[in-house]
């Protein structure tokens, strides 16, 4: 896994676990026995022709109007599966890691993720999860932190 090699190269401590296949972040939260608020769900969006990786809690939904305001664009939409496969060619579809910079994309992180010391996320497959310190994640991912989602 390229993600784990990247984390190892940066000397970041993390835990990796294996679980039954989970195809949504909420399913992964259940498999990992972690509240959805602590699971980072990456969502690829396209805003005025440019991709961004939004990272938000598994139990949250994006408020597109808020994103349009924060990143100062006219239109924001979800990327489709074809676009996701093109951008994240080394990952199983829907199991992208929350590190946009590894793919040349800016990362936008929902501020509610800052409430916890650790985050958990899929590790390029539907059967593996990574748990790491939020401070280490932020140091590596360098996300722009803002409020752009709501608890569903």
Protein backbone atom coordinates (compact mmCIF):
# COMPACT_ATOMS: atom_id res chain seq x y z
CA UNK A 1 0.00 0.00 0.00
CA UNK A 2 1.43 3.32 -1.09
CA UNK A 3 -0.21 5.11 1.85
CA UNK A 4 1.55 2.97 4.44
CA UNK A 5 4.90 3.42 2.69
CA UNK A 6 4.28 7.18 2.75
CA UNK A 7 3.44 7.16 6.48
CA UNK A 8 6.48 4.99 7.21
CA UNK A 9 8.74 7.31 5.21
CA UNK A 10 7.53 10.22 7.34
CA UNK A 11 8.10 8.17 10.53
CA UNK A 12 4.45 8.56 11.55
CA UNK A 13 3.02 6.17 14.14
CA UNK A 14 -0.23 4.54 13.13
CA UNK A 15 -2.25 1.39 13.66
CA UNK A 16 -3.63 -0.65 10.78
CA UNK A 17 -6.50 -3.06 11.22
CA UNK A 18 -8.30 -5.49 8.97
CA UNK A 19 -12.08 -5.84 9.00
CA UNK A 20 -14.89 -7.27 6.89
CA UNK A 21 -15.36 -5.31 3.65
CA UNK A 22 -16.97 -1.94 4.32
CA UNK A 23 -18.15 0.19 1.41
CA UNK A 24 -19.12 3.33 3.29
CA UNK A 25 -17.39 5.26 6.03
CA UNK A 26 -20.30 4.55 8.39
CA UNK A 27 -19.99 0.81 7.70
CA UNK A 28 -16.28 1.03 8.41
CA UNK A 29 -16.99 2.87 11.67
CA UNK A 30 -19.25 -0.01 12.72
CA UNK A 31 -16.66 -2.62 11.72
CA UNK A 32 -13.96 -0.77 13.64
CA UNK A 33 -16.24 -0.12 16.64
CA UNK A 34 -15.56 3.61 16.38
CA UNK A 35 -18.17 6.41 16.45
CA UNK A 36 -18.83 7.84 12.97
CA UNK A 37 -17.76 11.27 14.22
CA UNK A 38 -14.18 9.92 14.59
CA UNK A 39 -13.99 8.37 11.12
CA UNK A 40 -12.60 10.60 8.38
CA UNK A 41 -14.60 10.27 5.15
CA UNK A 42 -12.83 11.65 2.07
CA UNK A 43 -15.16 13.06 -0.59
CA UNK A 44 -13.84 14.22 -3.94
CA UNK A 45 -15.55 17.34 -5.25
CA UNK A 46 -15.09 19.44 -8.35
CA UNK A 47 -15.42 23.20 -7.95
CA UNK A 48 -15.28 25.42 -11.02
CA UNK A 49 -13.27 22.71 -12.82
CA UNK A 50 -10.79 22.05 -10.00
CA UNK A 51 -10.73 19.02 -7.70
CA UNK A 52 -10.66 19.27 -3.90
CA UNK A 53 -10.66 16.49 -1.34
CA UNK A 54 -13.13 17.18 1.46
CA UNK A 55 -12.49 15.24 4.67
CA UNK A 56 -15.41 15.09 7.06
CA UNK A 57 -16.83 12.76 9.72
CA UNK A 58 -18.52 9.63 8.39
CA UNK A 59 -21.85 10.73 9.88
CA UNK A 60 -21.80 14.15 8.18
CA UNK A 61 -23.00 15.48 4.83
CA UNK A 62 -21.47 18.35 2.85
CA UNK A 63 -23.18 21.74 2.70
CA UNK A 64 -22.28 22.76 -0.85
CA UNK A 65 -23.27 26.40 -0.37
CA UNK A 66 -20.80 26.68 2.51
CA UNK A 67 -18.01 25.22 0.36
CA UNK A 68 -18.83 27.62 -2.48
CA UNK A 69 -18.51 30.51 -0.04
CA UNK A 70 -15.31 29.30 1.66
CA UNK A 71 -13.37 28.46 -1.49
CA UNK A 72 -14.95 31.28 -3.48
CA UNK A 73 -16.33 29.37 -6.44
CA UNK A 74 -19.61 29.47 -8.34
CA UNK A 75 -20.38 25.76 -8.50
CA UNK A 76 -19.45 22.70 -6.42
CA UNK A 77 -20.46 19.15 -7.27
CA UNK A 78 -19.51 15.64 -6.27
CA UNK A 79 -17.02 13.95 -8.56
CA UNK A 80 -18.45 10.93 -10.34
CA UNK A 81 -17.02 7.42 -10.16
CA UNK A 82 -15.09 7.82 -13.42
CA UNK A 83 -13.38 10.95 -12.11
CA UNK A 84 -12.62 9.26 -8.79
CA UNK A 85 -11.05 6.29 -10.56
CA UNK A 86 -8.88 8.65 -12.64
CA UNK A 87 -7.69 10.65 -9.63
CA UNK A 88 -7.24 7.73 -7.22
CA UNK A 89 -6.05 5.02 -9.58
CA UNK A 90 -4.05 3.22 -6.88
CA UNK A 91 -7.03 2.74 -4.54
CA UNK A 92 -10.16 0.66 -4.52
CA UNK A 93 -13.05 2.91 -5.57
CA UNK A 94 -14.51 4.44 -2.42
CA UNK A 95 -11.50 3.62 -0.21
CA UNK A 96 -9.42 6.72 -0.86
CA UNK A 97 -7.15 8.00 1.90
CA UNK A 98 -7.75 11.55 3.23
CA UNK A 99 -4.48 12.93 1.83
CA UNK A 100 -5.27 15.08 -1.18
CA UNK A 101 -1.69 16.33 -1.54
CA UNK A 102 -0.59 12.81 -2.52
CA UNK A 103 -2.72 13.30 -5.64
CA UNK A 104 -2.01 16.98 -6.27
CA UNK A 105 -5.31 18.09 -4.71
CA UNK A 106 -5.94 20.51 -1.87
CA UNK A 107 -7.47 18.95 1.25
CA UNK A 108 -10.35 20.68 3.03
CA UNK A 109 -11.02 19.31 6.52
CA UNK A 110 -14.27 19.73 8.45
CA UNK A 111 -13.47 21.42 11.75
CA UNK A 112 -15.57 18.99 13.81
CA UNK A 113 -12.85 16.36 13.26
CA UNK A 114 -10.62 18.47 15.50
CA UNK A 115 -12.62 17.44 18.57
CA UNK A 116 -10.80 14.12 18.82
CA UNK A 117 -7.17 13.17 19.34
CA UNK A 118 -7.26 10.37 16.75
CA UNK A 119 -8.86 9.78 13.38
CA UNK A 120 -9.59 6.55 11.55
CA UNK A 121 -9.88 6.17 7.79
CA UNK A 122 -9.82 3.60 5.01
CA UNK A 123 -6.38 2.63 3.80
CA UNK A 124 -6.83 2.26 0.03
CA UNK A 125 -8.95 -0.90 0.42
CA UNK A 126 -12.39 -1.72 1.79
CA UNK A 127 -10.86 -4.11 4.31
CA UNK A 128 -8.16 -2.01 6.00
CA UNK A 129 -8.31 0.98 8.30
CA UNK A 130 -5.63 3.29 9.64
CA UNK A 131 -5.84 5.00 13.01
CA UNK A 132 -3.44 7.84 13.72
CA UNK A 133 -3.09 10.97 15.80
CA UNK A 134 -5.00 13.90 14.37
CA UNK A 135 -1.97 16.13 14.96
CA UNK A 136 0.16 13.85 12.75
CA UNK A 137 -2.54 13.77 10.09
CA UNK A 138 -2.74 17.57 10.03
CA UNK A 139 1.04 17.88 9.90
CA UNK A 140 1.18 15.67 6.80
CA UNK A 141 -2.03 16.58 4.99
CA UNK A 142 -1.86 20.32 5.70
CA UNK A 143 -5.62 20.68 5.28
CA UNK A 144 -7.49 23.93 5.18
CA UNK A 145 -9.83 23.60 8.18
CA UNK A 146 -13.35 25.01 7.93
CA UNK A 147 -16.97 24.23 8.70
CA UNK A 148 -18.78 22.82 5.66
CA UNK A 149 -20.92 19.92 6.84
CA UNK A 150 -23.79 18.89 9.10
CA UNK A 151 -24.53 15.76 11.13
CA UNK A 152 -27.11 13.69 9.26
